[in-house]
Amino acid sequence: MEAKAIAKFIRISPRKVRHVVDLIRGKDVNEALAILRFTPKRASKPVAKVVQSAASNAEHNYDMDQENLYVAKAYVDEGPTLKRMKARGMGRADILRHRMSHITVIVEEKKEG
């Protein structure tokens, strides 16, 4: 059985969030939360919220034991991009792209043996 949580429209670029998500994939939930607590990246806070939410979903909806949970899958998809204009010299304009991420975390219970 698996439980998942998704955070959508997080205003951090997916490339930056993927660095953090790669740290926790395959780890125990408690170990993953400890890693995220001491990771000095801005993306670690929203990823920690999603991991905690997935663990809570597993415990509440599927009666899984939180001590036996691990991060089975974790991935980041690209959300919509906000395009803004920035004035440059000699009447030109540049496009600023504010990227968004959709963070998905799936937790499962460890199998005995």
PDB file of N, CA and C in Angstrom:
ATOM      1  N   MET A   1       0.847  -1.178   0.000  1.00  0.00           N
ATOM      2  CA  MET A   1       0.000   0.000   0.000  1.00  0.00           C
ATOM      3  C   MET A   1       0.890   1.238   0.000  1.00  0.00           C
ATOM      4  N   GLU A   2       0.436   2.280  -0.656  1.00  0.00           N
ATOM      5  CA  GLU A   2       1.215   3.506  -0.716  1.00  0.00           C
ATOM      6  C   GLU A   2       0.317   4.696  -0.442  1.00  0.00           C
ATOM      7  N   ALA A   3       0.930   5.744   0.080  1.00  0.00           N
ATOM      8  CA  ALA A   3       0.235   7.001   0.326  1.00  0.00           C
ATOM      9  C   ALA A   3       1.064   8.105  -0.292  1.00  0.00           C
ATOM     10  N   LYS A   4       0.387   9.129  -0.818  1.00  0.00           N
ATOM     11  CA  LYS A   4       1.144  10.188  -1.456  1.00  0.00           C
ATOM     12  C   LYS A   4       0.621  11.553  -1.067  1.00  0.00           C
ATOM     13  N   ALA A   5       1.462  12.542  -1.304  1.00  0.00           N
ATOM     14  CA  ALA A   5       1.102  13.938  -1.079  1.00  0.00           C
ATOM     15  C   ALA A   5       1.726  14.752  -2.201  1.00  0.00           C
ATOM     16  N   ILE A   6       1.013  15.789  -2.629  1.00  0.00           N
ATOM     17  CA  ILE A   6       1.474  16.641  -3.720  1.00  0.00           C
ATOM     18  C   ILE A   6       1.375  18.095  -3.282  1.00  0.00           C
ATOM     19  N   ALA A   7       2.434  18.851  -3.533  1.00  0.00           N
ATOM     20  CA  ALA A   7       2.409  20.302  -3.331  1.00  0.00           C
ATOM     21  C   ALA A   7       2.552  20.935  -4.705  1.00  0.00           C
ATOM     22  N   LYS A   8       1.581  21.749  -5.066  1.00  0.00           N
ATOM     23  CA  LYS A   8       1.587  22.345  -6.394  1.00  0.00           C
ATOM     24  C   LYS A   8       1.878  23.839  -6.320  1.00  0.00           C
ATOM     25  N   PHE A   9       2.401  24.347  -7.409  1.00  0.00           N
ATOM     26  CA  PHE A   9       2.646  25.776  -7.597  1.00  0.00           C
ATOM     27  C   PHE A   9       3.597  26.348  -6.546  1.00  0.00           C
ATOM     28  N   ILE A  10       4.652  25.604  -6.220  1.00  0.00           N
ATOM     29  CA  ILE A  10       5.680  26.084  -5.295  1.00  0.00           C
ATOM     30  C   ILE A  10       6.627  26.979  -6.094  1.00  0.00           C
ATOM     31  N   ARG A  11       6.875  28.199  -5.612  1.00  0.00           N
ATOM     32  CA  ARG A  11       7.612  29.182  -6.393  1.00  0.00           C
ATOM     33  C   ARG A  11       9.135  29.036  -6.279  1.00  0.00           C
ATOM     34  N   ILE A  12       9.628  27.842  -6.583  1.00  0.00           N
ATOM     35  CA  ILE A  12      11.060  27.576  -6.682  1.00  0.00           C
ATOM     36  C   ILE A  12      11.248  26.793  -7.969  1.00  0.00           C
ATOM     37  N   SER A  13      12.336  27.037  -8.657  1.00  0.00           N
ATOM     38  CA  SER A  13      12.528  26.354  -9.930  1.00  0.00           C
ATOM     39  C   SER A  13      12.711  24.851  -9.699  1.00  0.00           C
ATOM     40  N   PRO A  14      12.176  24.015 -10.581  1.00  0.00           N
ATOM     41  CA  PRO A  14      12.241  22.562 -10.399  1.00  0.00           C
ATOM     42  C   PRO A  14      13.664  22.026 -10.316  1.00  0.00           C
ATOM     43  N   ARG A  15      14.565  22.659 -11.027  1.00  0.00           N
ATOM     44  CA  ARG A  15      15.959  22.206 -11.013  1.00  0.00           C
ATOM     45  C   ARG A  15      16.560  22.315  -9.611  1.00  0.00           C
ATOM     46  N   LYS A  16      16.222  23.379  -8.896  1.00  0.00           N
ATOM     47  CA  LYS A  16      16.733  23.567  -7.539  1.00  0.00           C
ATOM     48  C   LYS A  16      16.083  22.591  -6.558  1.00  0.00           C
ATOM     49  N   VAL A  17      14.801  22.311  -6.759  1.00  0.00           N
ATOM     50  CA  VAL A  17      14.097  21.403  -5.851  1.00  0.00           C
ATOM     51  C   VAL A  17      14.581  19.962  -6.056  1.00  0.00           C
ATOM     52  N   ARG A  18      14.928  19.606  -7.292  1.00  0.00           N
ATOM     53  CA  ARG A  18      15.375  18.236  -7.572  1.00  0.00           C
ATOM     54  C   ARG A  18      16.653  17.887  -6.823  1.00  0.00           C
ATOM     55  N   HIS A  19      17.522  18.878  -6.576  1.00  0.00           N
ATOM     56  CA  HIS A  19      18.736  18.624  -5.793  1.00  0.00           C
ATOM     57  C   HIS A  19      18.385  18.154  -4.384  1.00  0.00           C
ATOM     58  N   VAL A  20      17.349  18.742  -3.810  1.00  0.00           N
ATOM     59  CA  VAL A  20      16.933  18.390  -2.449  1.00  0.00           C
ATOM     60  C   VAL A  20      16.199  17.052  -2.441  1.00  0.00           C
ATOM     61  N   VAL A  21      15.332  16.830  -3.423  1.00  0.00           N
ATOM     62  CA  VAL A  21      14.541  15.600  -3.478  1.00  0.00           C
ATOM     63  C   VAL A  21      15.451  14.379  -3.672  1.00  0.00           C
ATOM     64  N   ASP A  22      16.542  14.554  -4.410  1.00  0.00           N
ATOM     65  CA  ASP A  22      17.472  13.443  -4.625  1.00  0.00           C
ATOM     66  C   ASP A  22      18.117  12.968  -3.324  1.00  0.00           C
ATOM     67  N   LEU A  23      18.198  13.843  -2.321  1.00  0.00           N
ATOM     68  CA  LEU A  23      18.805  13.474  -1.045  1.00  0.00           C
ATOM     69  C   LEU A  23      17.956  12.490  -0.242  1.00  0.00           C
ATOM     70  N   ILE A  24      16.639  12.528  -0.419  1.00  0.00           N
ATOM     71  CA  ILE A  24      15.758  11.763   0.476  1.00  0.00           C
ATOM     72  C   ILE A  24      15.141  10.535  -0.164  1.00  0.00           C
ATOM     73  N   ARG A  25      15.286  10.369  -1.463  1.00  0.00           N
ATOM     74  CA  ARG A  25      14.638   9.249  -2.148  1.00  0.00           C
ATOM     75  C   ARG A  25      15.190   7.929  -1.617  1.00  0.00           C
ATOM     76  N   GLY A  26      14.294   7.032  -1.179  1.00  0.00           N
ATOM     77  CA  GLY A  26      14.690   5.725  -0.663  1.00  0.00           C
ATOM     78  C   GLY A  26      14.998   5.682   0.821  1.00  0.00           C
ATOM     79  N   LYS A  27      14.959   6.803   1.506  1.00  0.00           N
ATOM     80  CA  LYS A  27      15.285   6.860   2.937  1.00  0.00           C
ATOM     81  C   LYS A  27      14.028   6.660   3.783  1.00  0.00           C
ATOM     82  N   ASP A  28      14.241   6.300   5.063  1.00  0.00           N
ATOM     83  CA  ASP A  28      13.144   6.255   6.024  1.00  0.00           C
ATOM     84  C   ASP A  28      12.564   7.658   6.171  1.00  0.00           C
ATOM     85  N   VAL A  29      11.296   7.744   6.545  1.00  0.00           N
ATOM     86  CA  VAL A  29      10.645   9.043   6.665  1.00  0.00           C
ATOM     87  C   VAL A  29      11.309   9.882   7.744  1.00  0.00           C
ATOM     88  N   ASN A  30      11.609   9.280   8.900  1.00  0.00           N
ATOM     89  CA  ASN A  30      12.246  10.040   9.983  1.00  0.00           C
ATOM     90  C   ASN A  30      13.645  10.502   9.582  1.00  0.00           C
ATOM     91  N   GLU A  31      14.384   9.650   8.882  1.00  0.00           N
ATOM     92  CA  GLU A  31      15.720  10.018   8.418  1.00  0.00           C
ATOM     93  C   GLU A  31      15.637  11.117   7.362  1.00  0.00           C
ATOM     94  N   ALA A  32      14.653  11.016   6.469  1.00  0.00           N
ATOM     95  CA  ALA A  32      14.469  12.037   5.433  1.00  0.00           C
ATOM     96  C   ALA A  32      14.153  13.391   6.059  1.00  0.00           C
ATOM     97  N   LEU A  33      13.293  13.411   7.068  1.00  0.00           N
ATOM     98  CA  LEU A  33      12.960  14.674   7.734  1.00  0.00           C
ATOM     99  C   LEU A  33      14.168  15.254   8.454  1.00  0.00           C
ATOM    100  N   ALA A  34      15.014  14.385   9.029  1.00  0.00           N
ATOM    101  CA  ALA A  34      16.242  14.864   9.684  1.00  0.00           C
ATOM    102  C   ALA A  34      17.208  15.452   8.664  1.00  0.00           C
ATOM    103  N   ILE A  35      17.330  14.808   7.522  1.00  0.00           N
ATOM    104  CA  ILE A  35      18.198  15.324   6.464  1.00  0.00           C
ATOM    105  C   ILE A  35      17.699  16.689   5.991  1.00  0.00           C
ATOM    106  N   LEU A  36      16.396  16.801   5.786  1.00  0.00           N
ATOM    107  CA  LEU A  36      15.835  18.060   5.299  1.00  0.00           C
ATOM    108  C   LEU A  36      15.948  19.181   6.326  1.00  0.00           C
ATOM    109  N   ARG A  37      15.881  18.829   7.597  1.00  0.00           N
ATOM    110  CA  ARG A  37      15.978  19.838   8.647  1.00  0.00           C
ATOM    111  C   ARG A  37      17.338  20.526   8.632  1.00  0.00           C
ATOM    112  N   PHE A  38      18.388  19.793   8.250  1.00  0.00           N
ATOM    113  CA  PHE A  38      19.742  20.348   8.291  1.00  0.00           C
ATOM    114  C   PHE A  38      20.317  20.621   6.904  1.00  0.00           C
ATOM    115  N   THR A  39      19.484  20.612   5.880  1.00  0.00           N
ATOM    116  CA  THR A  39      19.937  20.935   4.529  1.00  0.00           C
ATOM    117  C   THR A  39      19.788  22.440   4.309  1.00  0.00           C
ATOM    118  N   PRO A  40      20.875  23.133   3.979  1.00  0.00           N
ATOM    119  CA  PRO A  40      20.791  24.603   3.852  1.00  0.00           C
ATOM    120  C   PRO A  40      20.304  25.064   2.488  1.00  0.00           C
ATOM    121  N   LYS A  41      19.174  24.551   2.044  1.00  0.00           N
ATOM    122  CA  LYS A  41      18.581  24.957   0.774  1.00  0.00           C
ATOM    123  C   LYS A  41      17.182  25.478   1.051  1.00  0.00           C
ATOM    124  N   ARG A  42      16.738  26.441   0.253  1.00  0.00           N
ATOM    125  CA  ARG A  42      15.415  27.012   0.436  1.00  0.00           C
ATOM    126  C   ARG A  42      14.326  25.986   0.145  1.00  0.00           C
ATOM    127  N   ALA A  43      14.610  25.035  -0.732  1.00  0.00           N
ATOM    128  CA  ALA A  43      13.607  24.048  -1.134  1.00  0.00           C
ATOM    129  C   ALA A  43      13.382  22.983  -0.067  1.00  0.00           C
ATOM    130  N   SER A  44      14.230  22.908   0.944  1.00  0.00           N
ATOM    131  CA  SER A  44      14.093  21.835   1.925  1.00  0.00           C
ATOM    132  C   SER A  44      12.838  21.991   2.785  1.00  0.00           C
ATOM    133  N   LYS A  45      12.388  23.210   3.001  1.00  0.00           N
ATOM    134  CA  LYS A  45      11.195  23.416   3.832  1.00  0.00           C
ATOM    135  C   LYS A  45       9.913  22.917   3.146  1.00  0.00           C
ATOM    136  N   PRO A  46       9.638  23.287   1.879  1.00  0.00           N
ATOM    137  CA  PRO A  46       8.430  22.734   1.249  1.00  0.00           C
ATOM    138  C   PRO A  46       8.507  21.231   1.025  1.00  0.00           C
ATOM    139  N   VAL A  47       9.694  20.702   0.754  1.00  0.00           N
ATOM    140  CA  VAL A  47       9.829  19.255   0.564  1.00  0.00           C
ATOM    141  C   VAL A  47       9.552  18.542   1.885  1.00  0.00           C
ATOM    142  N   ALA A  48      10.022  19.103   2.992  1.00  0.00           N
ATOM    143  CA  ALA A  48       9.765  18.506   4.305  1.00  0.00           C
ATOM    144  C   ALA A  48       8.268  18.501   4.615  1.00  0.00           C
ATOM    145  N   LYS A  49       7.569  19.564   4.242  1.00  0.00           N
ATOM    146  CA  LYS A  49       6.122  19.614   4.463  1.00  0.00           C
ATOM    147  C   LYS A  49       5.403  18.526   3.677  1.00  0.00           C
ATOM    148  N   VAL A  50       5.867  18.276   2.444  1.00  0.00           N
ATOM    149  CA  VAL A  50       5.221  17.258   1.616  1.00  0.00           C
ATOM    150  C   VAL A  50       5.502  15.860   2.175  1.00  0.00           C
ATOM    151  N   VAL A  51       6.736  15.615   2.635  1.00  0.00           N
ATOM    152  CA  VAL A  51       7.071  14.313   3.227  1.00  0.00           C
ATOM    153  C   VAL A  51       6.235  14.087   4.477  1.00  0.00           C
ATOM    154  N   GLN A  52       6.127  15.106   5.319  1.00  0.00           N
ATOM    155  CA  GLN A  52       5.333  14.987   6.544  1.00  0.00           C
ATOM    156  C   GLN A  52       3.863  14.748   6.210  1.00  0.00           C
ATOM    157  N   SER A  53       3.360  15.409   5.178  1.00  0.00           N
ATOM    158  CA  SER A  53       1.972  15.231   4.774  1.00  0.00           C
ATOM    159  C   SER A  53       1.719  13.819   4.248  1.00  0.00           C
ATOM    160  N   ALA A  54       2.658  13.297   3.459  1.00  0.00           N
ATOM    161  CA  ALA A  54       2.505  11.940   2.939  1.00  0.00           C
ATOM    162  C   ALA A  54       2.522  10.923   4.081  1.00  0.00           C
ATOM    163  N   ALA A  55       3.398  11.139   5.069  1.00  0.00           N
ATOM    164  CA  ALA A  55       3.449  10.240   6.217  1.00  0.00           C
ATOM    165  C   ALA A  55       2.161  10.312   7.028  1.00  0.00           C
ATOM    166  N   SER A  56       1.620  11.503   7.184  1.00  0.00           N
ATOM    167  CA  SER A  56       0.360  11.659   7.910  1.00  0.00           C
ATOM    168  C   SER A  56      -0.802  11.017   7.151  1.00  0.00           C
ATOM    169  N   ASN A  57      -0.788  11.149   5.817  1.00  0.00           N
ATOM    170  CA  ASN A  57      -1.821  10.503   5.014  1.00  0.00           C
ATOM    171  C   ASN A  57      -1.762   8.989   5.175  1.00  0.00           C
ATOM    172  N   ALA A  58      -0.559   8.441   5.188  1.00  0.00           N
ATOM    173  CA  ALA A  58      -0.395   6.998   5.334  1.00  0.00           C
ATOM    174  C   ALA A  58      -0.900   6.525   6.696  1.00  0.00           C
ATOM    175  N   GLU A  59      -0.579   7.303   7.714  1.00  0.00           N
ATOM    176  CA  GLU A  59      -0.976   6.922   9.072  1.00  0.00           C
ATOM    177  C   GLU A  59      -2.487   7.061   9.272  1.00  0.00           C
ATOM    178  N   HIS A  60      -3.055   8.143   8.783  1.00  0.00           N
ATOM    179  CA  HIS A  60      -4.466   8.414   9.025  1.00  0.00           C
ATOM    180  C   HIS A  60      -5.385   7.631   8.090  1.00  0.00           C
ATOM    181  N   ASN A  61      -5.060   7.600   6.803  1.00  0.00           N
ATOM    182  CA  ASN A  61      -5.976   7.004   5.824  1.00  0.00           C
ATOM    183  C   ASN A  61      -5.802   5.496   5.654  1.00  0.00           C
ATOM    184  N   TYR A  62      -4.586   5.009   5.843  1.00  0.00           N
ATOM    185  CA  TYR A  62      -4.311   3.597   5.560  1.00  0.00           C
ATOM    186  C   TYR A  62      -3.823   2.820   6.775  1.00  0.00           C
ATOM    187  N   ASP A  63      -3.828   3.409   7.958  1.00  0.00           N
ATOM    188  CA  ASP A  63      -3.425   2.767   9.215  1.00  0.00           C
ATOM    189  C   ASP A  63      -2.033   2.144   9.129  1.00  0.00           C
ATOM    190  N   MET A  64      -1.104   2.833   8.501  1.00  0.00           N
ATOM    191  CA  MET A  64       0.289   2.370   8.449  1.00  0.00           C
ATOM    192  C   MET A  64       1.039   2.908   9.657  1.00  0.00           C
ATOM    193  N   ASP A  65       2.066   2.194  10.068  1.00  0.00           N
ATOM    194  CA  ASP A  65       2.898   2.609  11.190  1.00  0.00           C
ATOM    195  C   ASP A  65       3.971   3.563  10.675  1.00  0.00           C
ATOM    196  N   GLN A  66       4.079   4.748  11.267  1.00  0.00           N
ATOM    197  CA  GLN A  66       5.011   5.749  10.765  1.00  0.00           C
ATOM    198  C   GLN A  66       6.473   5.315  10.920  1.00  0.00           C
ATOM    199  N   GLU A  67       6.749   4.430  11.853  1.00  0.00           N
ATOM    200  CA  GLU A  67       8.124   3.950  12.039  1.00  0.00           C
ATOM    201  C   GLU A  67       8.584   3.069  10.884  1.00  0.00           C
ATOM    202  N   ASN A  68       7.653   2.449  10.152  1.00  0.00           N
ATOM    203  CA  ASN A  68       8.002   1.534   9.066  1.00  0.00           C
ATOM    204  C   ASN A  68       7.897   2.171   7.691  1.00  0.00           C
ATOM    205  N   LEU A  69       7.678   3.479   7.612  1.00  0.00           N
ATOM    206  CA  LEU A  69       7.506   4.136   6.321  1.00  0.00           C
ATOM    207  C   LEU A  69       8.838   4.571   5.734  1.00  0.00           C
ATOM    208  N   TYR A  70       8.916   4.514   4.407  1.00  0.00           N
ATOM    209  CA  TYR A  70      10.080   5.052   3.707  1.00  0.00           C
ATOM    210  C   TYR A  70       9.612   5.783   2.458  1.00  0.00           C
ATOM    211  N   VAL A  71      10.451   6.653   1.935  1.00  0.00           N
ATOM    212  CA  VAL A  71      10.125   7.434   0.744  1.00  0.00           C
ATOM    213  C   VAL A  71      10.373   6.548  -0.473  1.00  0.00           C
ATOM    214  N   ALA A  72       9.306   6.007  -1.031  1.00  0.00           N
ATOM    215  CA  ALA A  72       9.435   5.091  -2.159  1.00  0.00           C
ATOM    216  C   ALA A  72       9.722   5.856  -3.446  1.00  0.00           C
ATOM    217  N   LYS A  73       8.971   6.922  -3.690  1.00  0.00           N
ATOM    218  CA  LYS A  73       9.158   7.737  -4.887  1.00  0.00           C
ATOM    219  C   LYS A  73       9.058   9.198  -4.489  1.00  0.00           C
ATOM    220  N   ALA A  74       9.872   9.996  -5.115  1.00  0.00           N
ATOM    221  CA  ALA A  74       9.807  11.444  -4.920  1.00  0.00           C
ATOM    222  C   ALA A  74      10.284  12.088  -6.208  1.00  0.00           C
ATOM    223  N   TYR A  75       9.459  12.952  -6.755  1.00  0.00           N
ATOM    224  CA  TYR A  75       9.851  13.603  -7.998  1.00  0.00           C
ATOM    225  C   TYR A  75       9.256  15.006  -8.061  1.00  0.00           C
ATOM    226  N   VAL A  76       9.828  15.809  -8.953  1.00  0.00           N
ATOM    227  CA  VAL A  76       9.431  17.200  -9.107  1.00  0.00           C
ATOM    228  C   VAL A  76       9.090  17.436 -10.565  1.00  0.00           C
ATOM    229  N   ASP A  77       7.893  17.953 -10.809  1.00  0.00           N
ATOM    230  CA  ASP A  77       7.467  18.314 -12.157  1.00  0.00           C
ATOM    231  C   ASP A  77       7.456  19.832 -12.283  1.00  0.00           C
ATOM    232  N   GLU A  78       7.537  20.291 -13.518  1.00  0.00           N
ATOM    233  CA  GLU A  78       7.544  21.722 -13.762  1.00  0.00           C
ATOM    234  C   GLU A  78       6.121  22.246 -13.824  1.00  0.00           C
ATOM    235  N   GLY A  79       5.894  23.346 -13.134  1.00  0.00           N
ATOM    236  CA  GLY A  79       4.595  23.990 -13.163  1.00  0.00           C
ATOM    237  C   GLY A  79       4.587  25.106 -14.191  1.00  0.00           C
ATOM    238  N   PRO A  80       3.585  25.955 -14.151  1.00  0.00           N
ATOM    239  CA  PRO A  80       3.535  27.067 -15.093  1.00  0.00           C
ATOM    240  C   PRO A  80       4.627  28.090 -14.790  1.00  0.00           C
ATOM    241  N   THR A  81       5.000  28.837 -15.801  1.00  0.00           N
ATOM    242  CA  THR A  81       6.038  29.852 -15.673  1.00  0.00           C
ATOM    243  C   THR A  81       5.399  31.229 -15.786  1.00  0.00           C
ATOM    244  N   LEU A  82       5.684  32.078 -14.800  1.00  0.00           N
ATOM    245  CA  LEU A  82       5.235  33.469 -14.871  1.00  0.00           C
ATOM    246  C   LEU A  82       6.257  34.244 -15.687  1.00  0.00           C
ATOM    247  N   LYS A  83       5.822  34.899 -16.739  1.00  0.00           N
ATOM    248  CA  LYS A  83       6.734  35.657 -17.586  1.00  0.00           C
ATOM    249  C   LYS A  83       6.557  37.143 -17.291  1.00  0.00           C
ATOM    250  N   ARG A  84       7.660  37.795 -16.987  1.00  0.00           N
ATOM    251  CA  ARG A  84       7.654  39.216 -16.665  1.00  0.00           C
ATOM    252  C   ARG A  84       8.686  39.919 -17.543  1.00  0.00           C
ATOM    253  N   MET A  85       8.461  41.190 -17.774  1.00  0.00           N
ATOM    254  CA  MET A  85       9.377  41.982 -18.590  1.00  0.00           C
ATOM    255  C   MET A  85      10.284  42.805 -17.680  1.00  0.00           C
ATOM    256  N   LYS A  86      11.541  42.938 -18.117  1.00  0.00           N
ATOM    257  CA  LYS A  86      12.500  43.775 -17.410  1.00  0.00           C
ATOM    258  C   LYS A  86      13.120  44.721 -18.429  1.00  0.00           C
ATOM    259  N   ALA A  87      13.089  46.011 -18.146  1.00  0.00           N
ATOM    260  CA  ALA A  87      13.622  47.004 -19.063  1.00  0.00           C
ATOM    261  C   ALA A  87      15.145  46.907 -19.111  1.00  0.00           C
ATOM    262  N   ARG A  88      15.679  46.997 -20.327  1.00  0.00           N
ATOM    263  CA  ARG A  88      17.127  46.976 -20.534  1.00  0.00           C
ATOM    264  C   ARG A  88      17.537  48.247 -21.273  1.00  0.00           C
ATOM    265  N   GLY A  89      18.793  48.339 -21.576  1.00  0.00           N
ATOM    266  CA  GLY A  89      19.300  49.552 -22.208  1.00  0.00           C
ATOM    267  C   GLY A  89      18.818  49.709 -23.643  1.00  0.00           C
ATOM    268  N   MET A  90      18.791  50.936 -24.102  1.00  0.00           N
ATOM    269  CA  MET A  90      18.470  51.315 -25.482  1.00  0.00           C
ATOM    270  C   MET A  90      17.085  50.826 -25.908  1.00  0.00           C
ATOM    271  N   GLY A  91      16.112  50.860 -24.996  1.00  0.00           N
ATOM    272  CA  GLY A  91      14.735  50.551 -25.335  1.00  0.00           C
ATOM    273  C   GLY A  91      14.424  49.075 -25.475  1.00  0.00           C
ATOM    274  N   ARG A  92      15.339  48.211 -25.118  1.00  0.00           N
ATOM    275  CA  ARG A  92      15.091  46.771 -25.219  1.00  0.00           C
ATOM    276  C   ARG A  92      14.388  46.266 -23.964  1.00  0.00           C
ATOM    277  N   ALA A  93      13.962  44.995 -24.038  1.00  0.00           N
ATOM    278  CA  ALA A  93      13.332  44.352 -22.878  1.00  0.00           C
ATOM    279  C   ALA A  93      13.781  42.904 -22.820  1.00  0.00           C
ATOM    280  N   ASP A  94      13.950  42.398 -21.610  1.00  0.00           N
ATOM    281  CA  ASP A  94      14.261  40.984 -21.397  1.00  0.00           C
ATOM    282  C   ASP A  94      13.067  40.327 -20.722  1.00  0.00           C
ATOM    283  N   ILE A  95      12.988  39.013 -20.884  1.00  0.00           N
ATOM    284  CA  ILE A  95      11.928  38.250 -20.232  1.00  0.00           C
ATOM    285  C   ILE A  95      12.503  37.595 -18.980  1.00  0.00           C
ATOM    286  N   LEU A  96      11.862  37.830 -17.848  1.00  0.00           N
ATOM    287  CA  LEU A  96      12.193  37.127 -16.609  1.00  0.00           C
ATOM    288  C   LEU A  96      11.222  35.971 -16.474  1.00  0.00           C
ATOM    289  N   ARG A  97      11.723  34.783 -16.222  1.00  0.00           N
ATOM    290  CA  ARG A  97      10.871  33.605 -16.076  1.00  0.00           C
ATOM    291  C   ARG A  97      10.871  33.176 -14.610  1.00  0.00           C
ATOM    292  N   HIS A  98       9.730  33.295 -13.968  1.00  0.00           N
ATOM    293  CA  HIS A  98       9.574  32.841 -12.585  1.00  0.00           C
ATOM    294  C   HIS A  98       8.961  31.453 -12.648  1.00  0.00           C
ATOM    295  N   ARG A  99       9.768  30.434 -12.403  1.00  0.00           N
ATOM    296  CA  ARG A  99       9.329  29.052 -12.573  1.00  0.00           C
ATOM    297  C   ARG A  99       8.677  28.513 -11.300  1.00  0.00           C
ATOM    298  N   MET A 100       7.789  27.544 -11.496  1.00  0.00           N
ATOM    299  CA  MET A 100       7.095  26.896 -10.377  1.00  0.00           C
ATOM    300  C   MET A 100       7.295  25.390 -10.444  1.00  0.00           C
ATOM    301  N   SER A 101       7.091  24.736  -9.304  1.00  0.00           N
ATOM    302  CA  SER A 101       7.303  23.294  -9.197  1.00  0.00           C
ATOM    303  C   SER A 101       6.077  22.620  -8.619  1.00  0.00           C
ATOM    304  N   HIS A 102       5.875  21.369  -9.017  1.00  0.00           N
ATOM    305  CA  HIS A 102       4.906  20.479  -8.391  1.00  0.00           C
ATOM    306  C   HIS A 102       5.712  19.348  -7.760  1.00  0.00           C
ATOM    307  N   ILE A 103       5.661  19.235  -6.436  1.00  0.00           N
ATOM    308  CA  ILE A 103       6.448  18.238  -5.703  1.00  0.00           C
ATOM    309  C   ILE A 103       5.538  17.088  -5.318  1.00  0.00           C
ATOM    310  N   THR A 104       5.940  15.855  -5.660  1.00  0.00           N
ATOM    311  CA  THR A 104       5.162  14.658  -5.331  1.00  0.00           C
ATOM    312  C   THR A 104       6.035  13.717  -4.522  1.00  0.00           C
ATOM    313  N   VAL A 105       5.508  13.238  -3.397  1.00  0.00           N
ATOM    314  CA  VAL A 105       6.206  12.264  -2.551  1.00  0.00           C
ATOM    315  C   VAL A 105       5.267  11.098  -2.290  1.00  0.00           C
ATOM    316  N   ILE A 106       5.756   9.876  -2.524  1.00  0.00           N
ATOM    317  CA  ILE A 106       4.996   8.652  -2.273  1.00  0.00           C
ATOM    318  C   ILE A 106       5.742   7.847  -1.225  1.00  0.00           C
ATOM    319  N   VAL A 107       5.041   7.489  -0.148  1.00  0.00           N
ATOM    320  CA  VAL A 107       5.650   6.677   0.909  1.00  0.00           C
ATOM    321  C   VAL A 107       4.987   5.314   0.935  1.00  0.00           C
ATOM    322  N   GLU A 108       5.776   4.307   1.282  1.00  0.00           N
ATOM    323  CA  GLU A 108       5.279   2.947   1.425  1.00  0.00           C
ATOM    324  C   GLU A 108       5.793   2.357   2.724  1.00  0.00           C
ATOM    325  N   GLU A 109       5.143   1.279   3.128  1.00  0.00           N
ATOM    326  CA  GLU A 109       5.566   0.556   4.325  1.00  0.00           C
ATOM    327  C   GLU A 109       6.623  -0.469   3.940  1.00  0.00           C
ATOM    328  N   LYS A 110       7.649  -0.601   4.808  1.00  0.00           N
ATOM    329  CA  LYS A 110       8.684  -1.598   4.537  1.00  0.00           C
ATOM    330  C   LYS A 110       8.095  -3.000   4.618  1.00  0.00           C
ATOM    331  N   LYS A 111       8.551  -3.857   3.719  1.00  0.00           N
ATOM    332  CA  LYS A 111       8.100  -5.244   3.754  1.00  0.00           C
ATOM    333  C   LYS A 111       8.977  -6.030   4.719  1.00  0.00           C
ATOM    334  N   GLU A 112       8.358  -6.948   5.426  1.00  0.00           N
ATOM    335  CA  GLU A 112       9.102  -7.783   6.368  1.00  0.00           C
ATOM    336  C   GLU A 112      10.030  -8.721   5.612  1.00  0.00           C
ATOM    337  N   GLY A 113      11.239  -8.870   6.131  1.00  0.00           N
ATOM    338  CA  GLY A 113      12.184  -9.810   5.508  1.00  0.00           C
ATOM    339  C   GLY A 113      12.992  -9.120   4.532  1.00  0.00           C
TER     340      GLY A 113
END
